[in-house]
Amino acid sequence: MPRRRPPPLPAAVQAAEIAWAAPQVIALRSLRMLAAGHAPSARDRREFTVMGTEKVLAWQRSMAAMGQEALRAQQDWMAQAVSQGMSWWTSPWTAWSGMGLQATQQVHEACHRVLQHGLHPVHSRVTANARRLRKG
């Protein structure tokens, strides 16, 4: 059975933890580069290679997660619009403007979920690196 991932933490918590862990990772890796000198070991070269590739992978996963969540929100909005009846199809702008606060809250919540899912890959990578680099 595949391992279930826990839901992402709230965006504010993820951002705070990234802000705390990223400088630690930068400092620890900078010290490692300084200690490696002009002839880094194979372990150091692997670590320096991972530094670049993990950023690209985290960015790709972040973009994919945000895209999936944005698509999910758009599908929900379309399903809601279709359930409102044919008036939405004939005058979409006036139909949505009549929703007022409800539509505004839905957009706000959707944007928060997109951000939350987009931060998750970066957050998990940065916090894992901070834990790993502090140990050794």
Protein backbone atom coordinates (compact mmCIF):
# COMPACT_ATOMS: atom_id res chain seq x y z
CA MET A 1 0.00 0.00 0.00
CA PRO A 2 1.49 3.40 -0.95
CA ARG A 3 2.44 5.73 1.85
CA ARG A 4 -0.10 8.51 2.40
CA ARG A 5 1.33 11.98 2.63
CA PRO A 6 0.09 14.21 5.40
CA PRO A 7 -1.68 17.37 4.26
CA PRO A 8 0.58 20.40 3.90
CA LEU A 9 0.98 22.69 6.88
CA PRO A 10 -0.63 26.14 6.67
CA ALA A 11 1.28 28.46 4.34
CA ALA A 12 2.30 30.83 7.14
CA VAL A 13 3.82 27.98 9.16
CA GLN A 14 5.68 26.66 6.12
CA ALA A 15 7.00 30.14 5.27
CA ALA A 16 8.20 30.68 8.85
CA GLU A 17 9.96 27.30 8.95
CA ILE A 18 11.58 27.97 5.55
CA ALA A 19 12.73 31.38 6.81
CA TRP A 20 14.27 29.69 9.85
CA ALA A 21 15.86 26.67 8.11
CA ALA A 22 17.15 28.18 4.84
CA PRO A 23 19.82 30.42 6.45
CA GLN A 24 21.02 27.44 8.48
CA VAL A 25 21.35 25.32 5.33
CA ILE A 26 23.20 28.13 3.54
CA ALA A 27 25.58 28.62 6.48
CA LEU A 28 26.28 24.91 6.93
CA ARG A 29 26.89 24.36 3.23
CA SER A 30 29.09 27.44 2.99
CA LEU A 31 31.19 26.15 5.89
CA ARG A 32 31.40 22.78 4.18
CA MET A 33 32.61 24.41 0.96
CA LEU A 34 35.17 26.41 2.89
CA ALA A 35 36.38 23.32 4.72
CA ALA A 36 36.58 21.33 1.47
CA GLY A 37 39.09 23.77 0.06
CA HIS A 38 40.43 23.46 -3.49
CA ALA A 39 40.20 19.64 -3.56
CA PRO A 40 36.78 18.52 -2.29
CA SER A 41 36.23 14.87 -1.47
CA ALA A 42 33.81 12.70 -3.43
CA ARG A 43 31.25 13.15 -0.63
CA ASP A 44 31.62 16.94 -0.84
CA ARG A 45 31.30 16.92 -4.64
CA ARG A 46 28.10 14.87 -4.34
CA GLU A 47 26.71 17.34 -1.81
CA PHE A 48 27.61 20.31 -4.03
CA THR A 49 25.91 18.65 -7.02
CA VAL A 50 22.80 17.91 -4.98
CA MET A 51 22.63 21.58 -3.98
CA GLY A 52 21.76 22.59 -7.52
CA THR A 53 19.60 19.69 -8.61
CA GLU A 54 17.40 19.75 -5.52
CA LYS A 55 16.51 23.39 -6.16
CA VAL A 56 15.38 22.55 -9.69
CA LEU A 57 13.39 19.54 -8.47
CA ALA A 58 11.73 21.51 -5.67
CA TRP A 59 10.81 24.27 -8.13
CA GLN A 60 9.33 21.76 -10.58
CA ARG A 61 7.34 20.00 -7.86
CA SER A 62 6.16 23.34 -6.51
CA MET A 63 4.95 24.52 -9.91
CA ALA A 64 3.20 21.20 -10.55
CA ALA A 65 1.48 21.26 -7.14
CA MET A 66 0.32 24.85 -7.63
CA GLY A 67 -0.93 24.07 -11.11
CA GLN A 68 -2.88 21.05 -9.90
CA GLU A 69 -4.44 23.00 -7.06
CA ALA A 70 -5.34 25.94 -9.34
CA LEU A 71 -6.94 23.52 -11.80
CA ARG A 72 -8.90 21.91 -8.96
CA ALA A 73 -10.18 25.34 -7.86
CA GLN A 74 -11.17 26.26 -11.42
CA GLN A 75 -13.06 22.98 -11.78
CA ASP A 76 -14.90 23.63 -8.52
CA TRP A 77 -15.86 27.14 -9.68
CA MET A 78 -17.07 25.82 -13.03
CA ALA A 79 -19.13 23.10 -11.36
CA GLN A 80 -20.67 25.68 -9.08
CA ALA A 81 -21.39 28.00 -12.01
CA VAL A 82 -23.01 25.21 -14.01
CA SER A 83 -25.15 24.23 -11.03
CA GLN A 84 -26.46 27.81 -10.88
CA GLY A 85 -28.22 27.32 -14.18
CA MET A 86 -28.20 28.78 -17.65
CA SER A 87 -28.12 32.41 -16.49
CA TRP A 88 -24.42 32.02 -15.81
CA TRP A 89 -23.74 31.06 -19.43
CA THR A 90 -25.66 34.01 -20.83
CA SER A 91 -24.13 36.66 -18.56
CA PRO A 92 -21.13 35.32 -16.64
CA TRP A 93 -19.92 38.67 -15.29
CA THR A 94 -23.20 39.66 -13.71
CA ALA A 95 -23.79 36.17 -12.31
CA TRP A 96 -20.45 36.19 -10.44
CA SER A 97 -20.76 39.79 -9.31
CA GLY A 98 -24.02 38.91 -7.55
CA MET A 99 -22.22 36.38 -5.37
CA GLY A 100 -20.23 39.09 -3.57
CA LEU A 101 -18.59 37.98 -0.35
CA GLN A 102 -19.00 34.26 -1.00
CA ALA A 103 -17.07 34.48 -4.29
CA THR A 104 -14.39 36.63 -2.68
CA GLN A 105 -13.93 34.10 0.12
CA GLN A 106 -13.74 31.23 -2.35
CA VAL A 107 -11.04 33.00 -4.35
CA HIS A 108 -9.12 33.84 -1.16
CA GLU A 109 -9.28 30.25 0.08
CA ALA A 110 -8.26 28.90 -3.33
CA CYS A 111 -5.26 31.24 -3.49
CA HIS A 112 -4.23 30.14 0.00
CA ARG A 113 -4.46 26.45 -0.99
CA VAL A 114 -2.40 27.11 -4.15
CA LEU A 115 0.29 28.82 -2.07
CA GLN A 116 0.14 26.12 0.59
CA HIS A 117 0.63 23.32 -1.96
CA GLY A 118 3.34 25.29 -3.76
CA LEU A 119 5.37 25.83 -0.59
CA HIS A 120 5.15 22.19 0.48
CA PRO A 121 7.94 20.76 -1.75
CA VAL A 122 10.30 23.62 -0.87
CA HIS A 123 9.46 23.38 2.82
CA SER A 124 10.01 19.64 2.99
CA ARG A 125 13.35 19.87 1.17
CA VAL A 126 14.72 22.81 3.18
CA THR A 127 13.73 21.42 6.57
CA ALA A 128 15.09 17.96 5.66
CA ASN A 129 18.39 19.53 4.59
CA ALA A 130 18.64 21.53 7.80
CA ARG A 131 18.10 18.39 9.90
CA ARG A 132 20.55 16.34 7.83
CA LEU A 133 23.29 18.97 7.75
CA ARG A 134 23.05 19.69 11.50
CA LYS A 135 23.66 15.99 12.23
CA GLY A 136 26.77 15.61 10.26
